[in-house]
């Protein structure tokens, strides 16, 4: 089993078509079961899909900006489909909330076409061999304060669970708020768990952003395969 974000959903004639982006890891020893399946998949192949039910509360993207006056999205290549989905949904809803997205990807060739709104600022951050997270940290720092800078290069404990902290849920058992943001900036951050943890520490502990204004999701862990 592997977890993916839905890139597109189309419903016609009583049928639902779901699009998912797969990355094919071509180097020896780095490709997992999902990429291997996608590489050899042909029309008619069957899979078991566990997905949210339309209209029912469920986990996943965990995006709820409430009445925030501004939205900031940050993520690596694993969060790119979710960020694209958020931006395109906001555009389809004719939301006029200013939104800025920073997406760190391996190279400039990894950029996706995102059909956002004119007031959506989308910045692609190709690493081109730089350390993972090294592009996201300055982007977040510049957004919060011109003087703020952090480094996310140091590894976290690989035995830790993936970080998952949203205004409505805390994987670490912290007190959470049931109220969506009513003002200010709403931050949505997802990607490699160690990087996300350091960005969370920076925003909540150093900058003092209220927990109700931010969602942090560790989608994966460097060097650790997903169970299942």
Protein backbone atom coordinates (compact mmCIF):
# COMPACT_ATOMS: atom_id res chain seq x y z
CA UNK A 1 0.00 0.00 0.00
CA UNK A 2 1.19 3.52 -0.82
CA UNK A 3 -0.43 6.92 -0.25
CA UNK A 4 -0.91 9.44 -3.05
CA UNK A 5 -2.74 12.74 -3.50
CA UNK A 6 -5.50 12.94 -6.08
CA UNK A 7 -4.32 15.29 -8.84
CA UNK A 8 -7.63 15.51 -10.72
CA UNK A 9 -11.15 14.16 -10.20
CA UNK A 10 -13.74 14.11 -12.99
CA UNK A 11 -17.30 12.79 -12.74
CA UNK A 12 -19.21 12.07 -15.94
CA UNK A 13 -22.10 9.73 -16.78
CA UNK A 14 -22.11 8.28 -13.28
CA UNK A 15 -18.42 7.37 -13.41
CA UNK A 16 -15.52 8.87 -11.49
CA UNK A 17 -12.08 9.22 -13.07
CA UNK A 18 -9.16 9.90 -10.74
CA UNK A 19 -5.72 11.06 -11.89
CA UNK A 20 -2.61 10.40 -9.79
CA UNK A 21 0.95 11.53 -10.47
CA UNK A 22 3.57 8.79 -10.16
CA UNK A 23 7.32 9.48 -10.12
CA UNK A 24 9.36 6.74 -11.79
CA UNK A 25 12.62 6.41 -9.86
CA UNK A 26 14.93 5.02 -12.53
CA UNK A 27 18.16 4.59 -10.57
CA UNK A 28 19.03 1.09 -9.36
CA UNK A 29 17.87 0.33 -5.83
CA UNK A 30 15.73 3.45 -5.33
CA UNK A 31 12.44 2.44 -6.95
CA UNK A 32 9.60 1.27 -4.70
CA UNK A 33 6.59 -0.99 -5.32
CA UNK A 34 4.27 1.82 -6.46
CA UNK A 35 6.72 3.20 -9.02
CA UNK A 36 7.47 -0.30 -10.26
CA UNK A 37 3.75 -0.98 -10.67
CA UNK A 38 3.17 2.32 -12.48
CA UNK A 39 6.06 1.67 -14.86
CA UNK A 40 4.57 -1.63 -15.98
CA UNK A 41 0.88 -0.75 -15.74
CA UNK A 42 -1.35 -1.28 -18.77
CA UNK A 43 -5.04 -0.42 -19.38
CA UNK A 44 -7.23 -2.91 -17.56
CA UNK A 45 -4.83 -3.58 -14.67
CA UNK A 46 -6.70 -3.53 -11.35
CA UNK A 47 -5.81 -1.90 -8.05
CA UNK A 48 -7.61 -1.52 -4.73
CA UNK A 49 -8.26 2.14 -3.99
CA UNK A 50 -9.05 3.49 -0.52
CA UNK A 51 -10.25 7.09 -0.92
CA UNK A 52 -12.33 9.72 0.88
CA UNK A 53 -16.09 9.52 0.45
CA UNK A 54 -17.59 12.60 -1.14
CA UNK A 55 -19.05 14.84 1.57
CA UNK A 56 -17.62 12.85 4.49
CA UNK A 57 -14.97 14.14 6.88
CA UNK A 58 -11.62 12.45 6.32
CA UNK A 59 -7.88 12.93 6.56
CA UNK A 60 -5.51 13.57 3.69
CA UNK A 61 -4.61 16.99 2.36
CA UNK A 62 -5.92 18.55 5.61
CA UNK A 63 -6.38 21.98 4.06
CA UNK A 64 -8.75 24.29 5.96
CA UNK A 65 -7.86 27.97 5.72
CA UNK A 66 -11.13 29.17 7.25
CA UNK A 67 -11.33 32.95 7.01
CA UNK A 68 -7.57 33.53 6.93
CA UNK A 69 -6.57 36.70 5.14
CA UNK A 70 -3.64 35.05 3.39
CA UNK A 71 -2.46 31.52 2.56
CA UNK A 72 1.13 30.24 2.36
CA UNK A 73 1.82 26.73 0.98
CA UNK A 74 5.21 25.03 1.22
CA UNK A 75 6.24 21.53 0.17
CA UNK A 76 8.69 19.31 -1.63
CA UNK A 77 8.06 17.23 -4.74
CA UNK A 78 5.88 14.76 -2.81
CA UNK A 79 3.55 17.61 -1.84
CA UNK A 80 3.45 19.19 -5.31
CA UNK A 81 0.27 17.34 -6.44
CA UNK A 82 -1.55 18.33 -3.23
CA UNK A 83 -0.46 21.97 -3.56
CA UNK A 84 -1.59 21.96 -7.19
CA UNK A 85 -4.95 20.52 -6.16
CA UNK A 86 -5.37 23.18 -3.43
CA UNK A 87 -4.55 26.05 -5.79
CA UNK A 88 -6.82 24.79 -8.56
CA UNK A 89 -9.67 24.16 -6.11
CA UNK A 90 -9.31 27.71 -4.76
CA UNK A 91 -9.35 29.05 -8.32
CA UNK A 92 -12.47 26.99 -9.11
CA UNK A 93 -14.18 28.37 -6.00
CA UNK A 94 -13.36 31.93 -7.11
CA UNK A 95 -11.61 32.51 -3.79
CA UNK A 96 -10.02 35.96 -3.65
CA UNK A 97 -7.73 35.09 -0.72
CA UNK A 98 -4.09 35.89 -1.64
CA UNK A 99 -2.08 32.68 -1.82
CA UNK A 100 1.65 32.07 -2.14
CA UNK A 101 3.14 28.63 -2.88
CA UNK A 102 6.78 27.53 -2.64
CA UNK A 103 7.50 24.09 -4.11
CA UNK A 104 10.95 22.52 -3.83
CA UNK A 105 11.74 19.99 -6.59
CA UNK A 106 14.89 18.08 -7.64
CA UNK A 107 15.43 19.97 -10.93
CA UNK A 108 13.80 22.61 -13.08
CA UNK A 109 12.38 19.84 -15.28
CA UNK A 110 10.18 18.66 -12.39
CA UNK A 111 7.83 21.64 -12.46
CA UNK A 112 4.12 20.94 -13.01
CA UNK A 113 1.50 22.92 -14.86
CA UNK A 114 -0.80 24.44 -12.22
CA UNK A 115 -3.93 26.26 -13.32
CA UNK A 116 -4.23 28.62 -10.38
CA UNK A 117 -5.71 32.10 -10.19
CA UNK A 118 -3.92 35.33 -11.21
CA UNK A 119 -3.48 36.31 -7.55
CA UNK A 120 -1.72 33.01 -6.75
CA UNK A 121 2.04 33.36 -6.52
CA UNK A 122 3.77 30.06 -7.39
CA UNK A 123 7.53 29.80 -6.93
CA UNK A 124 9.36 26.64 -7.99
CA UNK A 125 12.59 25.96 -6.09
CA UNK A 126 14.84 23.48 -7.96
CA UNK A 127 17.46 21.98 -5.63
CA UNK A 128 19.84 21.07 -8.47
CA UNK A 129 21.93 19.02 -6.03
CA UNK A 130 21.47 21.21 -2.94
CA UNK A 131 20.43 19.74 0.40
CA UNK A 132 16.79 18.72 0.78
CA UNK A 133 14.81 21.50 2.47
CA UNK A 134 17.51 24.09 1.90
CA UNK A 135 15.26 25.98 -0.51
CA UNK A 136 12.11 25.84 1.61
CA UNK A 137 13.68 27.21 4.77
CA UNK A 138 14.82 30.54 3.28
CA UNK A 139 11.51 30.87 1.42
CA UNK A 140 9.62 30.55 4.68
CA UNK A 141 12.05 32.85 6.45
CA UNK A 142 11.72 35.55 3.82
CA UNK A 143 7.97 35.26 4.03
CA UNK A 144 7.88 35.73 7.82
CA UNK A 145 10.82 38.07 8.37
CA UNK A 146 13.62 39.48 6.25
CA UNK A 147 16.11 38.58 8.98
CA UNK A 148 14.81 35.08 9.72
CA UNK A 149 16.93 32.19 8.44
CA UNK A 150 17.08 28.55 9.48
CA UNK A 151 18.87 25.43 8.27
CA UNK A 152 17.03 22.16 7.78
CA UNK A 153 20.04 20.10 6.78
CA UNK A 154 20.48 18.22 10.07
CA UNK A 155 18.72 14.80 10.16
CA UNK A 156 15.98 13.97 12.62
CA UNK A 157 15.59 10.68 14.49
CA UNK A 158 14.57 8.11 11.88
CA UNK A 159 12.64 6.16 14.52
CA UNK A 160 10.20 9.01 15.12
CA UNK A 161 6.69 8.84 13.69
CA UNK A 162 5.88 11.11 10.78
CA UNK A 163 4.95 14.55 12.06
CA UNK A 164 1.24 15.35 11.59
CA UNK A 165 0.08 18.52 13.30
CA UNK A 166 -2.99 20.42 12.08
CA UNK A 167 -5.36 22.85 13.80
CA UNK A 168 -7.77 19.95 14.34
CA UNK A 169 -5.37 17.07 15.09
CA UNK A 170 -2.04 16.55 16.84
CA UNK A 171 -0.01 13.40 16.28
CA UNK A 172 2.05 14.25 19.37
CA UNK A 173 -1.00 14.73 21.59
CA UNK A 174 -0.81 18.51 21.89
CA UNK A 175 -3.89 20.55 22.71
CA UNK A 176 -5.61 21.50 19.46
CA UNK A 177 -8.19 24.04 18.45
CA UNK A 178 -11.43 23.05 16.73
CA UNK A 179 -11.77 26.51 15.20
CA UNK A 180 -10.50 27.28 11.71
CA UNK A 181 -8.40 30.44 11.24
CA UNK A 182 -10.47 33.63 11.37
CA UNK A 183 -7.73 36.10 10.37
CA UNK A 184 -4.01 36.42 9.67
CA UNK A 185 -1.94 33.99 7.59
CA UNK A 186 -2.67 30.27 7.29
CA UNK A 187 0.40 28.08 6.68
CA UNK A 188 0.17 24.64 5.04
CA UNK A 189 3.47 22.70 4.99
CA UNK A 190 4.09 19.13 3.80
CA UNK A 191 6.99 16.97 2.66
CA UNK A 192 9.88 15.03 4.19
CA UNK A 193 9.14 14.67 7.91
CA UNK A 194 12.51 15.85 9.24
CA UNK A 195 12.34 19.02 7.16
CA UNK A 196 8.72 19.65 8.15
CA UNK A 197 9.61 19.27 11.85
CA UNK A 198 12.25 21.96 11.65
CA UNK A 199 9.97 24.31 9.75
CA UNK A 200 7.31 23.69 12.40
CA UNK A 201 9.80 24.44 15.19
CA UNK A 202 10.74 27.68 13.46
CA UNK A 203 7.20 28.90 12.90
CA UNK A 204 5.62 27.87 16.20
CA UNK A 205 8.52 28.15 18.66
CA UNK A 206 10.69 30.90 17.21
CA UNK A 207 8.23 33.10 15.32
CA UNK A 208 5.26 32.40 17.62
CA UNK A 209 2.65 31.52 14.99
CA UNK A 210 -0.48 30.23 16.69
CA UNK A 211 -1.15 26.50 16.30
CA UNK A 212 -4.58 27.24 14.85
CA UNK A 213 -2.92 29.00 11.90
CA UNK A 214 -0.76 26.17 10.62
CA UNK A 215 -0.88 22.58 9.36
CA UNK A 216 2.28 20.41 9.17
CA UNK A 217 2.28 17.01 7.43
CA UNK A 218 5.22 14.63 7.19
CA UNK A 219 4.47 12.72 3.96
CA UNK A 220 7.58 10.54 4.11
CA UNK A 221 10.85 9.93 5.95
CA UNK A 222 14.32 10.12 4.36
CA UNK A 223 15.78 6.58 4.20
CA UNK A 224 12.67 4.87 5.63
CA UNK A 225 10.21 2.90 3.47
CA UNK A 226 6.50 3.17 4.16
CA UNK A 227 5.07 0.12 5.91
CA UNK A 228 2.53 -1.98 4.06
